[in-house]
Amino acid sequence: MGQKLILVRHSAVEIDKYRPSKEWRLSENGRSLAQHLAPRIANYNPTRIIASVEPKASETGQIIADALGIPWQTAPNLHEHERSKAPYFERKEDFLTAVSHFFAQPDELVFGDETANQARVRFDTAVRRLLTNHPTDTLAIVAHGTILTLFVAHYNKFPPFPFWKRIKLPDFFVVNLPDMTM
């Protein structure tokens, strides 16, 4: 079996419509779900957790790392696609429409402050830097649904929106290195 990279979507959050989503923290249920996810991730023998600096991802990473007894840290440029100035969507349907347009028009600025392709390239560059800096580790990277979907869909050549709709809070998937295929 070749080297693997474990990609983890953060756990369930406490939604605060008056704060940007990048400031949201895990809910009590989210902390419990992250704890229960750790043994499933352990099957892939991660040796280090690296999380986005956003609280929901760094909390998820710390919970999993503590449960597995492995080191963890945060790293720049693993954050969700930049959308701190986007409004809070009261209706789930409106949020789904915005995300659908984001994926469907990857070179257009349609939702947030960076295009889908800009976000994917930023994240891809950060992941490759981490892999270079930790060549002997099996990394588990804790990030966010949209950015992880962009990354995985790019390398696996599938439509991003249906995949994004299927992943849970929290969730994980494993890709093969160096080609990033599932």
C-alpha atoms as a PDB file:
ATOM      1  CA  MET A   1       0.000   0.000   0.000  1.00  0.00           C
ATOM      2  CA  GLY A   2       1.382   3.411  -1.009  1.00  0.00           C
ATOM      3  CA  GLN A   3       1.474   6.586   1.004  1.00  0.00           C
ATOM      4  CA  LYS A   4      -1.877   8.181   1.842  1.00  0.00           C
ATOM      5  CA  LEU A   5      -3.203  11.602   2.768  1.00  0.00           C
ATOM      6  CA  ILE A   6      -6.229  11.796   5.040  1.00  0.00           C
ATOM      7  CA  LEU A   7      -8.542  14.736   4.402  1.00  0.00           C
ATOM      8  CA  VAL A   8     -10.968  15.591   7.201  1.00  0.00           C
ATOM      9  CA  ARG A   9     -13.964  17.896   7.107  1.00  0.00           C
ATOM     10  CA  HIS A  10     -14.439  19.701  10.414  1.00  0.00           C
ATOM     11  CA  SER A  11     -17.212  18.686  12.777  1.00  0.00           C
ATOM     12  CA  ALA A  12     -20.624  20.255  13.436  1.00  0.00           C
ATOM     13  CA  VAL A  13     -20.673  23.911  14.451  1.00  0.00           C
ATOM     14  CA  GLU A  14     -22.599  26.318  16.599  1.00  0.00           C
ATOM     15  CA  ILE A  15     -24.059  28.653  13.966  1.00  0.00           C
ATOM     16  CA  ASP A  16     -23.940  32.346  14.806  1.00  0.00           C
ATOM     17  CA  LYS A  17     -25.523  34.313  11.991  1.00  0.00           C
ATOM     18  CA  TYR A  18     -24.029  37.529  13.394  1.00  0.00           C
ATOM     19  CA  ARG A  19     -20.432  36.326  12.935  1.00  0.00           C
ATOM     20  CA  PRO A  20     -18.589  35.262   9.788  1.00  0.00           C
ATOM     21  CA  SER A  21     -18.553  31.464   9.434  1.00  0.00           C
ATOM     22  CA  LYS A  22     -14.758  31.506   9.701  1.00  0.00           C
ATOM     23  CA  GLU A  23     -15.203  32.416  13.390  1.00  0.00           C
ATOM     24  CA  TRP A  24     -17.682  29.645  14.227  1.00  0.00           C
ATOM     25  CA  ARG A  25     -16.736  27.081  16.852  1.00  0.00           C
ATOM     26  CA  LEU A  26     -17.789  23.491  17.330  1.00  0.00           C
ATOM     27  CA  SER A  27     -21.072  22.737  19.037  1.00  0.00           C
ATOM     28  CA  GLU A  28     -21.209  20.296  21.947  1.00  0.00           C
ATOM     29  CA  ASN A  29     -22.494  17.698  19.486  1.00  0.00           C
ATOM     30  CA  GLY A  30     -19.666  18.609  17.102  1.00  0.00           C
ATOM     31  CA  ARG A  31     -17.071  17.909  19.796  1.00  0.00           C
ATOM     32  CA  SER A  32     -18.667  14.530  20.476  1.00  0.00           C
ATOM     33  CA  LEU A  33     -18.825  13.682  16.757  1.00  0.00           C
ATOM     34  CA  ALA A  34     -15.140  14.562  16.329  1.00  0.00           C
ATOM     35  CA  GLN A  35     -14.278  12.276  19.242  1.00  0.00           C
ATOM     36  CA  HIS A  36     -16.211   9.432  17.603  1.00  0.00           C
ATOM     37  CA  LEU A  37     -14.528  10.035  14.236  1.00  0.00           C
ATOM     38  CA  ALA A  38     -11.022   9.586  15.656  1.00  0.00           C
ATOM     39  CA  PRO A  39     -11.037   5.748  15.816  1.00  0.00           C
ATOM     40  CA  ARG A  40     -12.130   5.523  12.170  1.00  0.00           C
ATOM     41  CA  ILE A  41      -9.259   7.798  11.144  1.00  0.00           C
ATOM     42  CA  ALA A  42      -6.876   5.747  13.308  1.00  0.00           C
ATOM     43  CA  ASN A  43      -7.308   2.848  10.859  1.00  0.00           C
ATOM     44  CA  TYR A  44      -5.148   4.832   8.403  1.00  0.00           C
ATOM     45  CA  ASN A  45      -2.334   5.374  10.918  1.00  0.00           C
ATOM     46  CA  PRO A  46      -1.944   9.153  10.813  1.00  0.00           C
ATOM     47  CA  THR A  47       1.171  10.430  12.529  1.00  0.00           C
ATOM     48  CA  ARG A  48       0.318  14.151  12.522  1.00  0.00           C
ATOM     49  CA  ILE A  49      -2.816  16.290  12.293  1.00  0.00           C
ATOM     50  CA  ILE A  50      -2.578  19.658  10.559  1.00  0.00           C
ATOM     51  CA  ALA A  51      -5.644  21.878  10.686  1.00  0.00           C
ATOM     52  CA  SER A  52      -6.924  25.073   9.171  1.00  0.00           C
ATOM     53  CA  VAL A  53      -6.613  28.050  11.486  1.00  0.00           C
ATOM     54  CA  GLU A  54     -10.403  28.467  11.557  1.00  0.00           C
ATOM     55  CA  PRO A  55     -11.656  27.512  15.058  1.00  0.00           C
ATOM     56  CA  LYS A  56     -14.052  24.778  13.858  1.00  0.00           C
ATOM     57  CA  ALA A  57     -11.221  23.005  12.028  1.00  0.00           C
ATOM     58  CA  SER A  58      -8.525  23.533  14.656  1.00  0.00           C
ATOM     59  CA  GLU A  59     -10.875  22.281  17.404  1.00  0.00           C
ATOM     60  CA  THR A  60     -11.696  19.210  15.317  1.00  0.00           C
ATOM     61  CA  GLY A  61      -7.995  18.601  14.698  1.00  0.00           C
ATOM     62  CA  GLN A  62      -7.083  18.926  18.353  1.00  0.00           C
ATOM     63  CA  ILE A  63      -9.844  16.551  19.469  1.00  0.00           C
ATOM     64  CA  ILE A  64      -8.774  13.906  16.954  1.00  0.00           C
ATOM     65  CA  ALA A  65      -5.064  14.332  17.711  1.00  0.00           C
ATOM     66  CA  ASP A  66      -5.670  14.105  21.467  1.00  0.00           C
ATOM     67  CA  ALA A  67      -7.768  10.960  21.007  1.00  0.00           C
ATOM     68  CA  LEU A  68      -5.042   9.371  18.872  1.00  0.00           C
ATOM     69  CA  GLY A  69      -2.112  10.639  20.937  1.00  0.00           C
ATOM     70  CA  ILE A  70      -0.386  12.287  17.991  1.00  0.00           C
ATOM     71  CA  PRO A  71       0.910  15.829  17.447  1.00  0.00           C
ATOM     72  CA  TRP A  72      -1.213  18.486  15.816  1.00  0.00           C
ATOM     73  CA  GLN A  73      -0.740  22.010  14.588  1.00  0.00           C
ATOM     74  CA  THR A  74      -2.415  24.614  12.425  1.00  0.00           C
ATOM     75  CA  ALA A  75      -1.129  25.852   9.090  1.00  0.00           C
ATOM     76  CA  PRO A  76      -1.975  28.809   6.861  1.00  0.00           C
ATOM     77  CA  ASN A  77      -3.972  28.625   3.632  1.00  0.00           C
ATOM     78  CA  LEU A  78      -6.045  25.565   4.573  1.00  0.00           C
ATOM     79  CA  HIS A  79      -9.070  27.759   5.324  1.00  0.00           C
ATOM     80  CA  GLU A  80     -12.417  27.609   3.566  1.00  0.00           C
ATOM     81  CA  HIS A  81     -12.867  29.542   0.351  1.00  0.00           C
ATOM     82  CA  GLU A  82     -12.777  33.188   1.349  1.00  0.00           C
ATOM     83  CA  ARG A  83     -16.336  34.353   1.946  1.00  0.00           C
ATOM     84  CA  SER A  84     -16.219  36.426   5.115  1.00  0.00           C
ATOM     85  CA  LYS A  85     -18.060  39.291   3.403  1.00  0.00           C
ATOM     86  CA  ALA A  86     -20.810  37.034   2.039  1.00  0.00           C
ATOM     87  CA  PRO A  87     -24.164  37.337   3.796  1.00  0.00           C
ATOM     88  CA  TYR A  88     -25.578  34.714   6.117  1.00  0.00           C
ATOM     89  CA  PHE A  89     -28.225  32.749   4.230  1.00  0.00           C
ATOM     90  CA  GLU A  90     -31.383  32.368   6.293  1.00  0.00           C
ATOM     91  CA  ARG A  91     -32.746  29.822   3.840  1.00  0.00           C
ATOM     92  CA  LYS A  92     -30.772  26.648   3.185  1.00  0.00           C
ATOM     93  CA  GLU A  93     -31.954  26.705  -0.442  1.00  0.00           C
ATOM     94  CA  ASP A  94     -30.265  30.075  -0.991  1.00  0.00           C
ATOM     95  CA  PHE A  95     -26.991  28.785   0.438  1.00  0.00           C
ATOM     96  CA  LEU A  96     -27.176  25.661  -1.760  1.00  0.00           C
ATOM     97  CA  THR A  97     -27.773  27.842  -4.816  1.00  0.00           C
ATOM     98  CA  ALA A  98     -24.751  30.027  -3.994  1.00  0.00           C
ATOM     99  CA  VAL A  99     -22.509  26.983  -3.536  1.00  0.00           C
ATOM    100  CA  SER A 100     -23.831  25.391  -6.728  1.00  0.00           C
ATOM    101  CA  HIS A 101     -22.968  28.548  -8.704  1.00  0.00           C
ATOM    102  CA  PHE A 102     -19.549  28.667  -7.041  1.00  0.00           C
ATOM    103  CA  PHE A 103     -18.722  25.161  -8.249  1.00  0.00           C
ATOM    104  CA  ALA A 104     -20.340  25.622 -11.680  1.00  0.00           C
ATOM    105  CA  GLN A 105     -18.416  28.825 -12.475  1.00  0.00           C
ATOM    106  CA  PRO A 106     -14.920  28.134 -11.089  1.00  0.00           C
ATOM    107  CA  ASP A 107     -13.261  31.116 -12.760  1.00  0.00           C
ATOM    108  CA  GLU A 108     -15.955  33.646 -11.820  1.00  0.00           C
ATOM    109  CA  LEU A 109     -16.238  35.516  -8.546  1.00  0.00           C
ATOM    110  CA  VAL A 110     -19.806  34.450  -7.715  1.00  0.00           C
ATOM    111  CA  PHE A 111     -19.756  33.703  -3.969  1.00  0.00           C
ATOM    112  CA  GLY A 112     -17.268  35.240  -1.597  1.00  0.00           C
ATOM    113  CA  ASP A 113     -13.959  36.939  -2.223  1.00  0.00           C
ATOM    114  CA  GLU A 114     -12.103  34.333  -4.276  1.00  0.00           C
ATOM    115  CA  THR A 115     -13.071  32.157  -7.206  1.00  0.00           C
ATOM    116  CA  ALA A 116     -13.267  28.395  -6.870  1.00  0.00           C
ATOM    117  CA  ASN A 117     -10.062  27.997  -8.855  1.00  0.00           C
ATOM    118  CA  GLN A 118      -8.214  30.598  -6.785  1.00  0.00           C
ATOM    119  CA  ALA A 119      -9.278  28.794  -3.609  1.00  0.00           C
ATOM    120  CA  ARG A 120      -8.293  25.382  -4.967  1.00  0.00           C
ATOM    121  CA  VAL A 121      -4.839  26.558  -6.075  1.00  0.00           C
ATOM    122  CA  ARG A 122      -4.237  28.200  -2.674  1.00  0.00           C
ATOM    123  CA  PHE A 123      -5.222  25.026  -0.836  1.00  0.00           C
ATOM    124  CA  ASP A 124      -3.310  22.744  -3.208  1.00  0.00           C
ATOM    125  CA  THR A 125      -0.146  24.813  -2.740  1.00  0.00           C
ATOM    126  CA  ALA A 126      -0.530  24.638   1.054  1.00  0.00           C
ATOM    127  CA  VAL A 127      -1.082  20.859   1.003  1.00  0.00           C
ATOM    128  CA  ARG A 128       1.952  20.258  -1.200  1.00  0.00           C
ATOM    129  CA  ARG A 129       4.088  22.448   1.071  1.00  0.00           C
ATOM    130  CA  LEU A 130       2.963  20.418   4.099  1.00  0.00           C
ATOM    131  CA  LEU A 131       3.714  17.134   2.356  1.00  0.00           C
ATOM    132  CA  THR A 132       7.189  18.421   1.471  1.00  0.00           C
ATOM    133  CA  ASN A 133       7.795  19.648   5.026  1.00  0.00           C
ATOM    134  CA  HIS A 134       6.627  16.353   6.582  1.00  0.00           C
ATOM    135  CA  PRO A 135       7.864  13.684   4.143  1.00  0.00           C
ATOM    136  CA  THR A 136       7.875  10.807   6.644  1.00  0.00           C
ATOM    137  CA  ASP A 137       4.508  11.571   8.257  1.00  0.00           C
ATOM    138  CA  THR A 138       1.092  10.276   7.316  1.00  0.00           C
ATOM    139  CA  LEU A 139      -0.809  13.540   7.495  1.00  0.00           C
ATOM    140  CA  ALA A 140      -4.443  14.111   8.321  1.00  0.00           C
ATOM    141  CA  ILE A 141      -5.431  17.594   7.163  1.00  0.00           C
ATOM    142  CA  VAL A 142      -8.524  19.074   8.786  1.00  0.00           C
ATOM    143  CA  ALA A 143     -10.212  21.673   6.633  1.00  0.00           C
ATOM    144  CA  HIS A 144     -13.607  22.583   5.199  1.00  0.00           C
ATOM    145  CA  GLY A 145     -16.211  21.082   2.925  1.00  0.00           C
ATOM    146  CA  THR A 146     -16.022  23.422  -0.027  1.00  0.00           C
ATOM    147  CA  ILE A 147     -12.232  23.635  -0.224  1.00  0.00           C
ATOM    148  CA  LEU A 148     -11.796  19.880   0.251  1.00  0.00           C
ATOM    149  CA  THR A 149     -14.388  19.239  -2.448  1.00  0.00           C
ATOM    150  CA  LEU A 150     -12.601  21.537  -4.898  1.00  0.00           C
ATOM    151  CA  PHE A 151      -9.315  19.760  -4.234  1.00  0.00           C
ATOM    152  CA  VAL A 152     -10.590  16.185  -4.474  1.00  0.00           C
ATOM    153  CA  ALA A 153     -12.901  16.827  -7.448  1.00  0.00           C
ATOM    154  CA  HIS A 154     -10.035  18.405  -9.377  1.00  0.00           C
ATOM    155  CA  TYR A 155      -7.768  15.364  -9.060  1.00  0.00           C
ATOM    156  CA  ASN A 156     -10.509  12.777  -9.409  1.00  0.00           C
ATOM    157  CA  LYS A 157     -12.328  14.448 -12.296  1.00  0.00           C
ATOM    158  CA  PHE A 158     -15.859  14.372 -10.911  1.00  0.00           C
ATOM    159  CA  PRO A 159     -18.498  17.083 -10.529  1.00  0.00           C
ATOM    160  CA  PRO A 160     -17.960  18.861  -7.216  1.00  0.00           C
ATOM    161  CA  PHE A 161     -21.484  19.841  -6.153  1.00  0.00           C
ATOM    162  CA  PRO A 162     -22.952  16.315  -5.757  1.00  0.00           C
ATOM    163  CA  PHE A 163     -19.869  15.249  -3.761  1.00  0.00           C
ATOM    164  CA  TRP A 164     -20.084  18.336  -1.536  1.00  0.00           C
ATOM    165  CA  LYS A 165     -23.751  17.617  -0.798  1.00  0.00           C
ATOM    166  CA  ARG A 166     -22.904  14.064   0.355  1.00  0.00           C
ATOM    167  CA  ILE A 167     -20.124  14.807   2.847  1.00  0.00           C
ATOM    168  CA  LYS A 168     -21.085  15.128   6.493  1.00  0.00           C
ATOM    169  CA  LEU A 169     -19.946  17.144   9.490  1.00  0.00           C
ATOM    170  CA  PRO A 170     -17.455  15.641  10.323  1.00  0.00           C
ATOM    171  CA  ASP A 171     -16.291  13.329   7.572  1.00  0.00           C
ATOM    172  CA  PHE A 172     -13.056  12.139   6.036  1.00  0.00           C
ATOM    173  CA  PHE A 173     -11.688  10.605   2.884  1.00  0.00           C
ATOM    174  CA  VAL A 174      -8.317   9.206   1.938  1.00  0.00           C
ATOM    175  CA  VAL A 175      -6.345   9.971  -1.204  1.00  0.00           C
ATOM    176  CA  ASN A 176      -3.322   8.232  -2.650  1.00  0.00           C
ATOM    177  CA  LEU A 177      -0.068  10.105  -2.966  1.00  0.00           C
ATOM    178  CA  PRO A 178       1.321  11.566  -5.095  1.00  0.00           C
ATOM    179  CA  ASP A 179      -1.620  11.692  -7.542  1.00  0.00           C
ATOM    180  CA  MET A 180      -4.352  12.616  -4.992  1.00  0.00           C
ATOM    181  CA  THR A 181      -6.775  10.019  -6.337  1.00  0.00           C
ATOM    182  CA  MET A 182      -9.349   8.365  -4.130  1.00  0.00           C
END
